[in-house]
Protein backbone atom coordinates (compact mmCIF):
# COMPACT_ATOMS: atom_id res chain seq x y z
CA UNK A 1 86.27 34.69 -5.61
CA UNK A 2 84.80 36.45 -8.68
CA UNK A 3 83.84 40.08 -8.20
CA UNK A 4 80.17 41.18 -8.37
CA UNK A 5 80.83 42.64 -11.82
CA UNK A 6 81.41 39.14 -13.16
CA UNK A 7 78.37 37.65 -11.43
CA UNK A 8 76.30 40.55 -12.78
CA UNK A 9 77.62 39.86 -16.26
CA UNK A 10 76.75 36.17 -16.17
CA UNK A 11 73.30 37.00 -14.78
CA UNK A 12 72.69 39.32 -17.74
CA UNK A 13 74.08 36.76 -20.20
CA UNK A 14 71.53 34.19 -19.00
CA UNK A 15 68.76 36.46 -20.32
CA UNK A 16 69.65 36.32 -24.04
CA UNK A 17 70.75 32.73 -23.55
CA UNK A 18 67.11 31.69 -23.00
CA UNK A 19 65.56 34.34 -25.19
CA UNK A 20 62.57 33.25 -27.26
CA UNK A 21 59.35 34.72 -28.68
CA UNK A 22 57.58 34.49 -25.31
CA UNK A 23 60.32 36.45 -23.53
CA UNK A 24 60.49 39.15 -26.20
CA UNK A 25 56.69 39.49 -25.97
CA UNK A 26 56.88 40.50 -22.29
CA UNK A 27 56.13 44.09 -21.33
CA UNK A 28 59.10 46.39 -20.66
CA UNK A 29 58.27 46.29 -16.97
CA UNK A 30 58.33 42.49 -16.86
CA UNK A 31 61.55 42.34 -18.88
CA UNK A 32 63.17 44.73 -16.41
CA UNK A 33 61.99 42.72 -13.41
CA UNK A 34 63.21 39.49 -15.02
CA UNK A 35 66.66 41.00 -15.57
CA UNK A 36 66.78 42.19 -11.94
CA UNK A 37 65.82 38.70 -10.74
CA UNK A 38 68.59 37.10 -12.81
CA UNK A 39 71.23 39.56 -11.59
CA UNK A 40 70.00 39.14 -8.02
CA UNK A 41 70.18 35.33 -8.24
CA UNK A 42 73.68 35.50 -9.70
CA UNK A 43 74.88 37.55 -6.71
CA UNK A 44 72.70 36.18 -3.92
CA UNK A 45 75.22 33.77 -2.27
CA UNK A 46 77.56 36.66 -1.48
CA UNK A 47 75.02 38.04 0.99
CA UNK A 48 76.74 35.73 3.46
CA UNK A 49 79.12 38.68 3.95
CA UNK A 50 76.40 40.52 5.90
CA UNK A 51 76.38 38.40 9.11
CA UNK A 52 80.15 38.83 9.29
CA UNK A 53 79.81 42.60 8.89
CA UNK A 54 77.56 42.72 11.95
CA UNK A 55 80.18 40.97 14.08
CA UNK A 56 82.97 43.06 12.49
CA UNK A 57 84.51 40.04 10.74
CA UNK A 58 83.33 40.43 7.11
CA UNK A 59 84.93 37.22 5.83
CA UNK A 60 83.82 34.99 8.73
CA UNK A 61 80.72 33.45 7.09
CA UNK A 62 81.76 33.93 3.46
CA UNK A 63 81.78 30.85 1.21
CA UNK A 64 79.44 29.01 3.54
CA UNK A 65 76.48 26.75 2.61
CA UNK A 66 74.99 29.55 0.46
CA UNK A 67 77.69 28.65 -2.08
CA UNK A 68 76.49 25.05 -2.49
CA UNK A 69 74.69 23.61 -5.51
CA UNK A 70 71.90 22.35 -3.23
CA UNK A 71 70.97 25.81 -1.92
CA UNK A 72 71.34 27.28 -5.43
CA UNK A 73 68.72 24.79 -6.66
CA UNK A 74 66.41 25.44 -3.70
CA UNK A 75 66.70 29.21 -4.19
CA UNK A 76 66.02 28.98 -7.93
CA UNK A 77 62.95 26.77 -7.42
CA UNK A 78 61.67 29.08 -4.67
CA UNK A 79 62.02 32.12 -6.94
CA UNK A 80 60.26 30.19 -9.72
CA UNK A 81 57.36 29.28 -7.39
CA UNK A 82 57.01 32.91 -6.26
CA UNK A 83 57.21 34.49 -9.73
CA UNK A 84 55.52 31.79 -11.82
CA UNK A 85 52.10 33.45 -11.86
CA UNK A 86 53.56 36.87 -12.61
CA UNK A 87 55.49 35.52 -15.61
CA UNK A 88 52.62 33.27 -16.74
CA UNK A 89 53.42 34.03 -20.41
CA UNK A 90 56.73 32.17 -20.21
CA UNK A 91 57.35 28.51 -20.89
CA UNK A 92 57.55 26.80 -17.47
CA UNK A 93 60.48 24.52 -18.33
CA UNK A 94 62.57 27.27 -19.93
CA UNK A 95 61.82 29.71 -17.12
CA UNK A 96 62.79 27.26 -14.37
CA UNK A 97 65.94 26.21 -16.29
CA UNK A 98 66.93 29.87 -16.77
CA UNK A 99 66.66 30.49 -13.01
CA UNK A 100 68.55 27.30 -12.09
CA UNK A 101 71.44 28.02 -14.47
CA UNK A 102 71.70 31.59 -13.17
CA UNK A 103 71.68 30.50 -9.51
CA UNK A 104 74.26 27.74 -10.00
CA UNK A 105 76.54 30.05 -12.02
CA UNK A 106 77.71 31.77 -8.83
CA UNK A 107 78.89 28.54 -7.20
CA UNK A 108 80.62 27.36 -10.38
CA UNK A 109 82.40 30.68 -10.93
CA UNK A 110 83.71 30.61 -7.37
CA UNK A 111 84.75 26.97 -7.78
CA UNK A 112 86.91 27.84 -10.80
CA UNK A 113 88.46 30.88 -9.11
CA UNK A 114 91.84 31.11 -7.42
CA UNK A 115 91.27 31.27 -3.66
CA UNK A 116 94.00 32.49 -1.33
CA UNK A 117 91.89 32.89 1.81
CA UNK A 118 90.59 30.31 4.27
CA UNK A 119 88.34 28.41 3.70
CA UNK A 120 89.70 27.52 0.26
CA UNK A 121 86.98 26.93 -2.32
CA UNK A 122 83.26 26.34 -1.80
CA UNK A 123 81.19 23.64 -0.02
CA UNK A 124 80.04 22.40 -3.43
CA UNK A 125 78.08 19.34 -2.23
CA UNK A 126 76.74 20.63 1.11
CA UNK A 127 74.82 19.21 3.05
CA UNK A 128 75.89 15.77 1.73
CA UNK A 129 79.54 16.72 2.09
CA UNK A 130 81.00 19.57 4.17
CA UNK A 131 84.31 19.45 2.28
CA UNK A 132 85.39 22.62 0.51
CA UNK A 133 86.21 22.12 -3.17
CA UNK A 134 88.22 24.31 -5.55
CA UNK A 135 89.29 23.56 -9.11
CA UNK A 136 92.94 22.71 -9.69
CA UNK A 137 92.68 24.92 -12.80
CA UNK A 138 91.96 28.54 -11.90
CA UNK A 139 90.12 30.39 -14.64
CA UNK A 140 89.80 33.58 -12.60
CA UNK A 141 92.16 35.58 -10.42
CA UNK A 142 91.57 35.97 -6.69
CA UNK A 143 90.28 39.18 -5.11
CA UNK A 144 92.45 40.97 -2.58
CA UNK A 145 90.43 42.22 0.39
CA UNK A 146 90.96 42.98 4.04
CA UNK A 147 89.33 41.22 6.96
CA UNK A 148 89.03 44.49 8.85
CA UNK A 149 85.52 45.82 9.62
CA UNK A 150 83.80 48.96 8.34
CA UNK A 151 85.16 51.20 5.60
CA UNK A 152 88.57 49.51 5.75
CA UNK A 153 86.95 46.36 4.34
CA UNK A 154 85.22 48.27 1.51
CA UNK A 155 88.29 50.35 0.62
CA UNK A 156 90.49 47.24 0.55
CA UNK A 157 88.83 46.21 -2.73
CA UNK A 158 90.25 49.26 -4.53
CA UNK A 159 93.76 48.25 -5.56
CA UNK A 160 95.76 47.60 -8.73
CA UNK A 161 95.51 43.81 -8.42
CA UNK A 162 91.70 43.92 -8.34
CA UNK A 163 91.53 46.42 -11.24
CA UNK A 164 93.54 44.02 -13.40
CA UNK A 165 91.32 41.17 -12.24
CA UNK A 166 88.22 43.17 -13.21
CA UNK A 167 89.62 43.75 -16.70
CA UNK A 168 90.17 40.01 -17.15
CA UNK A 169 86.72 39.14 -15.85
CA UNK A 170 85.04 41.71 -18.11
CA UNK A 171 86.86 40.14 -21.06
CA UNK A 172 85.52 36.74 -19.98
CA UNK A 173 81.96 38.07 -19.75
CA UNK A 174 82.34 39.75 -23.16
CA UNK A 175 83.51 36.49 -24.74
CA UNK A 176 80.66 34.49 -23.19
CA UNK A 177 78.15 37.17 -24.26
CA UNK A 178 79.48 37.10 -27.83
CA UNK A 179 79.17 33.31 -27.94
CA UNK A 180 75.61 33.35 -26.60
CA UNK A 181 74.49 36.12 -28.98
CA UNK A 182 76.17 34.33 -31.91
CA UNK A 183 74.45 31.03 -31.08
CA UNK A 184 71.09 32.75 -30.67
CA UNK A 185 71.55 34.59 -33.98
CA UNK A 186 72.37 31.38 -35.84
CA UNK A 187 69.42 29.63 -34.20
CA UNK A 188 67.12 32.45 -35.35
CA UNK A 189 68.46 32.24 -38.92
CA UNK A 190 67.97 28.47 -39.02
CA UNK A 191 64.45 28.86 -37.65
CA UNK A 192 63.60 31.51 -40.26
CA UNK A 193 65.05 29.37 -43.05
CA UNK A 194 63.02 26.36 -41.91
CA UNK A 195 59.81 28.44 -41.81
CA UNK A 196 60.61 29.99 -45.20
CA UNK A 197 61.28 26.53 -46.63
CA UNK A 198 57.94 25.24 -45.36
CA UNK A 199 56.08 28.24 -46.77
CA UNK A 200 57.82 27.79 -50.12
CA UNK A 201 56.88 24.11 -50.17
CA UNK A 202 53.23 24.92 -49.44
CA UNK A 203 53.14 27.52 -52.20
CA UNK A 204 54.70 25.09 -54.69
CA UNK A 205 52.24 22.35 -53.74
CA UNK A 206 49.28 24.72 -54.09
CA UNK A 207 50.47 26.07 -57.45
């Protein structure tokens, strides 16, 4: 199970990943709201902790149907339908794709994480298949936490194992961020060169 810090990081990375002229033209308020939506979508499946908290068994409902690709898609499309008019400046296809990638990222990160607590993995294909799936190759360390209710559950996250795990996950987010920024930068350079080449050709033809 990745920690929220990693889900937050991937949610933020999705923003520059789909950055274009229409996104940069948004007001500061809209950019802030868009970032909050992306971070919220990236973390949303972990709200399945809350029902367990109420019955004093925090882990009881965790990694349920909320961690399926199906519900990730439904959630992303619902958010798109609700926010579409507000972000009317954005390209519809890019906006919907940005939300879908962000929503699915949570399920995929959990799928590629080491899981030492029952149930193992995530119900990836729910409701078509109730089987829990987990990758045979673990890209991320597990998170040590207690099943006890109240503050004991919260305090159980603060240990050396989890601090080391956080460091590794932050490194992963940093690497992904660097790759995305690098790709976007190269894309911008290519775009500028193409535009400059066209302008040069027009000037030569007119001369």
